Amino acid sequence: MTRRHQPGTALSGRSEEFADVYDQMGGLLNAAFGGLGEEVPWVPLADVYETKDTYVIEAELPGVRKDAVDIELEDRELVITGDTVEREGRGLFRRRERRTGRFELHTHLPGEIDPDGVQASLSAGVLTVRVPRSTTERQRRIEISD
């Protein structure tokens, strides 16, 4: 999690030092939990909400092309994965906060869904996935036979 601070606060004079410490801590966590040099995927910020007939997932993926994103739905788990590439440097970086590398977002949908009606769009850096709720009636009355 990248923490941002307001200019003029006590942190503003040492923000580069804190950013360096944060990067070092991230490297240590990746080394400890990433396994054999693999980096741990980062999780994009996302909102998940439901309407009367749809579950909606909105994930922030700024600068990511749609061909770099994979979306899979198995049972009621929606998985969004992909990669962001590091931009070629244009000079000496003084600060780097944008995430690069592999990302994964796992979302378990709480109710019955219609997997055939799923739609996805990517606009202005926000991936929107709409998963329709199932229209099948689940409750029914059962008659007792003689």
C-alpha atoms as a PDB file:
ATOM      1  CA  MET A   1       0.000   0.000   0.000  1.00  0.00           C
ATOM      2  CA  THR A   2       1.478   3.323  -1.022  1.00  0.00           C
ATOM      3  CA  ARG A   3       0.786   6.106   1.400  1.00  0.00           C
ATOM      4  CA  ARG A   4       0.591   9.605   0.064  1.00  0.00           C
ATOM      5  CA  HIS A   5       1.190  12.687   2.124  1.00  0.00           C
ATOM      6  CA  GLN A   6       0.166  16.299   1.803  1.00  0.00           C
ATOM      7  CA  PRO A   7       2.808  18.893   0.912  1.00  0.00           C
ATOM      8  CA  GLY A   8       3.820  20.914   3.916  1.00  0.00           C
ATOM      9  CA  THR A   9       3.344  18.093   6.424  1.00  0.00           C
ATOM     10  CA  ALA A  10       6.129  16.735   8.584  1.00  0.00           C
ATOM     11  CA  LEU A  11       6.750  13.929   6.072  1.00  0.00           C
ATOM     12  CA  SER A  12       7.327  16.145   3.055  1.00  0.00           C
ATOM     13  CA  GLY A  13      11.018  16.774   3.817  1.00  0.00           C
ATOM     14  CA  ARG A  14      11.779  13.060   4.129  1.00  0.00           C
ATOM     15  CA  SER A  15       9.382  11.576   1.576  1.00  0.00           C
ATOM     16  CA  GLU A  16      12.178  10.186  -0.576  1.00  0.00           C
ATOM     17  CA  GLU A  17      13.714   8.414   2.413  1.00  0.00           C
ATOM     18  CA  PHE A  18      10.362   6.873   3.344  1.00  0.00           C
ATOM     19  CA  ALA A  19       9.765   5.833  -0.265  1.00  0.00           C
ATOM     20  CA  ASP A  20      13.164   4.121  -0.286  1.00  0.00           C
ATOM     21  CA  VAL A  21      12.385   2.275   2.964  1.00  0.00           C
ATOM     22  CA  TYR A  22       8.994   1.239   1.563  1.00  0.00           C
ATOM     23  CA  ASP A  23      10.655  -0.120  -1.596  1.00  0.00           C
ATOM     24  CA  GLN A  24      13.202  -2.048   0.476  1.00  0.00           C
ATOM     25  CA  MET A  25      10.435  -3.531   2.649  1.00  0.00           C
ATOM     26  CA  GLY A  26       8.538  -4.570  -0.469  1.00  0.00           C
ATOM     27  CA  GLY A  27      11.659  -6.259  -1.801  1.00  0.00           C
ATOM     28  CA  LEU A  28      12.110  -8.150   1.451  1.00  0.00           C
ATOM     29  CA  LEU A  29       8.481  -9.296   1.436  1.00  0.00           C
ATOM     30  CA  ASN A  30       8.789 -10.461  -2.162  1.00  0.00           C
ATOM     31  CA  ALA A  31      11.964 -12.348  -1.303  1.00  0.00           C
ATOM     32  CA  ALA A  32      10.350 -13.957   1.749  1.00  0.00           C
ATOM     33  CA  PHE A  33       6.979 -14.854   0.273  1.00  0.00           C
ATOM     34  CA  GLY A  34       7.472 -14.744  -3.480  1.00  0.00           C
ATOM     35  CA  GLY A  35       9.245 -18.057  -3.675  1.00  0.00           C
ATOM     36  CA  LEU A  36      12.430 -18.628  -5.680  1.00  0.00           C
ATOM     37  CA  GLY A  37      12.752 -15.136  -7.081  1.00  0.00           C
ATOM     38  CA  GLU A  38       9.157 -14.751  -8.238  1.00  0.00           C
ATOM     39  CA  GLU A  39       7.456 -11.521  -7.340  1.00  0.00           C
ATOM     40  CA  VAL A  40       4.217 -11.590  -5.392  1.00  0.00           C
ATOM     41  CA  PRO A  41       1.406 -10.230  -7.598  1.00  0.00           C
ATOM     42  CA  TRP A  42      -0.060  -6.908  -6.531  1.00  0.00           C
ATOM     43  CA  VAL A  43      -3.803  -6.387  -6.096  1.00  0.00           C
ATOM     44  CA  PRO A  44      -5.460  -3.506  -7.943  1.00  0.00           C
ATOM     45  CA  LEU A  45      -7.857  -1.266  -6.059  1.00  0.00           C
ATOM     46  CA  ALA A  46     -11.426  -2.327  -6.785  1.00  0.00           C
ATOM     47  CA  ASP A  47     -15.049  -1.729  -5.882  1.00  0.00           C
ATOM     48  CA  VAL A  48     -17.521  -4.614  -5.909  1.00  0.00           C
ATOM     49  CA  TYR A  49     -21.210  -3.878  -5.636  1.00  0.00           C
ATOM     50  CA  GLU A  50     -24.499  -5.339  -6.692  1.00  0.00           C
ATOM     51  CA  THR A  51     -27.641  -3.964  -8.236  1.00  0.00           C
ATOM     52  CA  LYS A  52     -31.017  -5.633  -8.498  1.00  0.00           C
ATOM     53  CA  ASP A  53     -29.859  -7.857 -11.369  1.00  0.00           C
ATOM     54  CA  THR A  54     -26.050  -7.510 -11.674  1.00  0.00           C
ATOM     55  CA  TYR A  55     -22.793  -7.792  -9.735  1.00  0.00           C
ATOM     56  CA  VAL A  56     -20.396  -5.039 -10.812  1.00  0.00           C
ATOM     57  CA  ILE A  57     -16.627  -5.111 -10.319  1.00  0.00           C
ATOM     58  CA  GLU A  58     -14.682  -1.929 -11.066  1.00  0.00           C
ATOM     59  CA  ALA A  59     -10.884  -2.294 -10.873  1.00  0.00           C
ATOM     60  CA  GLU A  60      -8.346   0.491 -11.311  1.00  0.00           C
ATOM     61  CA  LEU A  61      -5.844  -0.457 -14.003  1.00  0.00           C
ATOM     62  CA  PRO A  62      -4.327   2.815 -15.246  1.00  0.00           C
ATOM     63  CA  GLY A  63      -2.179   2.469 -18.341  1.00  0.00           C
ATOM     64  CA  VAL A  64      -3.047  -1.215 -18.850  1.00  0.00           C
ATOM     65  CA  ARG A  65      -4.078  -2.308 -22.342  1.00  0.00           C
ATOM     66  CA  LYS A  66      -7.077  -4.599 -22.668  1.00  0.00           C
ATOM     67  CA  ASP A  67      -4.978  -7.308 -24.339  1.00  0.00           C
ATOM     68  CA  ALA A  68      -2.825  -7.450 -21.168  1.00  0.00           C
ATOM     69  CA  VAL A  69      -5.799  -8.429 -18.973  1.00  0.00           C
ATOM     70  CA  ASP A  70      -7.336 -11.890 -18.524  1.00  0.00           C
ATOM     71  CA  ILE A  71     -10.720 -12.421 -16.898  1.00  0.00           C
ATOM     72  CA  GLU A  72     -11.909 -15.855 -15.812  1.00  0.00           C
ATOM     73  CA  LEU A  73     -15.043 -16.991 -14.038  1.00  0.00           C
ATOM     74  CA  GLU A  74     -15.223 -20.370 -12.357  1.00  0.00           C
ATOM     75  CA  ASP A  75     -18.280 -21.184 -10.298  1.00  0.00           C
ATOM     76  CA  ARG A  76     -18.788 -17.864  -8.496  1.00  0.00           C
ATOM     77  CA  GLU A  77     -15.160 -16.739  -8.329  1.00  0.00           C
ATOM     78  CA  LEU A  78     -14.092 -13.982 -10.702  1.00  0.00           C
ATOM     79  CA  VAL A  79     -10.330 -13.745 -11.284  1.00  0.00           C
ATOM     80  CA  ILE A  80      -8.722 -10.794 -13.047  1.00  0.00           C
ATOM     81  CA  THR A  81      -5.020 -11.165 -13.895  1.00  0.00           C
ATOM     82  CA  GLY A  82      -2.488  -9.438 -16.065  1.00  0.00           C
ATOM     83  CA  ASP A  83       0.825  -7.673 -16.324  1.00  0.00           C
ATOM     84  CA  THR A  84       1.883  -4.071 -16.396  1.00  0.00           C
ATOM     85  CA  VAL A  85       5.208  -3.243 -17.944  1.00  0.00           C
ATOM     86  CA  GLU A  86       7.615  -0.700 -16.622  1.00  0.00           C
ATOM     87  CA  ARG A  87       7.884   2.337 -18.828  1.00  0.00           C
ATOM     88  CA  GLU A  88      11.244   3.136 -20.303  1.00  0.00           C
ATOM     89  CA  GLY A  89      12.935   5.709 -18.119  1.00  0.00           C
ATOM     90  CA  ARG A  90      13.237   9.222 -19.454  1.00  0.00           C
ATOM     91  CA  GLY A  91      15.728  10.320 -16.866  1.00  0.00           C
ATOM     92  CA  LEU A  92      16.729   9.811 -13.267  1.00  0.00           C
ATOM     93  CA  PHE A  93      13.749   8.697 -11.188  1.00  0.00           C
ATOM     94  CA  ARG A  94      13.298  10.728  -8.024  1.00  0.00           C
ATOM     95  CA  ARG A  95      10.175   8.905  -6.979  1.00  0.00           C
ATOM     96  CA  ARG A  96       8.393   5.782  -8.203  1.00  0.00           C
ATOM     97  CA  GLU A  97       4.953   4.836  -6.854  1.00  0.00           C
ATOM     98  CA  ARG A  98       3.134   3.264  -9.771  1.00  0.00           C
ATOM     99  CA  ARG A  99       2.945  -0.509  -9.676  1.00  0.00           C
ATOM    100  CA  THR A 100       4.378  -2.717 -12.398  1.00  0.00           C
ATOM    101  CA  GLY A 101       4.519  -6.457 -12.852  1.00  0.00           C
ATOM    102  CA  ARG A 102       1.902  -9.147 -12.392  1.00  0.00           C
ATOM    103  CA  PHE A 103      -1.425  -8.320 -10.756  1.00  0.00           C
ATOM    104  CA  GLU A 104      -4.281 -10.514  -9.533  1.00  0.00           C
ATOM    105  CA  LEU A 105      -7.724  -9.752  -8.191  1.00  0.00           C
ATOM    106  CA  HIS A 106      -9.910 -12.570  -6.816  1.00  0.00           C
ATOM    107  CA  THR A 107     -13.555 -11.875  -6.038  1.00  0.00           C
ATOM    108  CA  HIS A 108     -16.086 -14.381  -4.761  1.00  0.00           C
ATOM    109  CA  LEU A 109     -19.626 -13.424  -5.798  1.00  0.00           C
ATOM    110  CA  PRO A 110     -22.189 -14.153  -3.063  1.00  0.00           C
ATOM    111  CA  GLY A 111     -25.163 -15.323  -5.114  1.00  0.00           C
ATOM    112  CA  GLU A 112     -26.153 -17.327  -8.163  1.00  0.00           C
ATOM    113  CA  ILE A 113     -24.870 -15.927 -11.455  1.00  0.00           C
ATOM    114  CA  ASP A 114     -25.465 -16.232 -15.198  1.00  0.00           C
ATOM    115  CA  PRO A 115     -21.966 -16.886 -16.628  1.00  0.00           C
ATOM    116  CA  ASP A 116     -23.162 -16.563 -20.231  1.00  0.00           C
ATOM    117  CA  GLY A 117     -24.071 -12.891 -19.821  1.00  0.00           C
ATOM    118  CA  VAL A 118     -20.779 -11.543 -18.398  1.00  0.00           C
ATOM    119  CA  GLN A 119     -19.565  -8.306 -20.011  1.00  0.00           C
ATOM    120  CA  ALA A 120     -16.307  -6.411 -19.539  1.00  0.00           C
ATOM    121  CA  SER A 121     -15.056  -3.012 -20.669  1.00  0.00           C
ATOM    122  CA  LEU A 122     -11.910  -0.980 -20.056  1.00  0.00           C
ATOM    123  CA  SER A 123     -12.213   2.786 -20.190  1.00  0.00           C
ATOM    124  CA  ALA A 124     -10.140   5.597 -18.676  1.00  0.00           C
ATOM    125  CA  GLY A 125      -8.045   3.126 -16.676  1.00  0.00           C
ATOM    126  CA  VAL A 126     -11.022   1.401 -15.036  1.00  0.00           C
ATOM    127  CA  LEU A 127     -11.942  -2.184 -15.869  1.00  0.00           C
ATOM    128  CA  THR A 128     -15.676  -2.770 -15.383  1.00  0.00           C
ATOM    129  CA  VAL A 129     -16.971  -6.341 -15.284  1.00  0.00           C
ATOM    130  CA  ARG A 130     -20.720  -6.909 -15.119  1.00  0.00           C
ATOM    131  CA  VAL A 131     -21.882 -10.350 -14.019  1.00  0.00           C
ATOM    132  CA  PRO A 132     -25.644 -10.855 -14.275  1.00  0.00           C
ATOM    133  CA  ARG A 133     -27.390 -12.490 -11.374  1.00  0.00           C
ATOM    134  CA  SER A 134     -29.181 -15.708 -12.210  1.00  0.00           C
ATOM    135  CA  THR A 135     -32.814 -15.310 -13.179  1.00  0.00           C
ATOM    136  CA  THR A 136     -33.555 -18.919 -12.319  1.00  0.00           C
ATOM    137  CA  GLU A 137     -36.019 -19.230  -9.485  1.00  0.00           C
ATOM    138  CA  ARG A 138     -34.321 -21.195  -6.718  1.00  0.00           C
ATOM    139  CA  GLN A 139     -37.228 -21.582  -4.332  1.00  0.00           C
ATOM    140  CA  ARG A 140     -40.017 -23.987  -5.123  1.00  0.00           C
ATOM    141  CA  ARG A 141     -42.770 -25.773  -3.310  1.00  0.00           C
ATOM    142  CA  ILE A 142     -42.401 -29.538  -3.007  1.00  0.00           C
ATOM    143  CA  GLU A 143     -45.490 -31.691  -2.775  1.00  0.00           C
ATOM    144  CA  ILE A 144     -45.475 -34.735  -0.508  1.00  0.00           C
ATOM    145  CA  SER A 145     -46.349 -37.870  -2.418  1.00  0.00           C
ATOM    146  CA  ASP A 146     -48.543 -40.647  -0.993  1.00  0.00           C
END
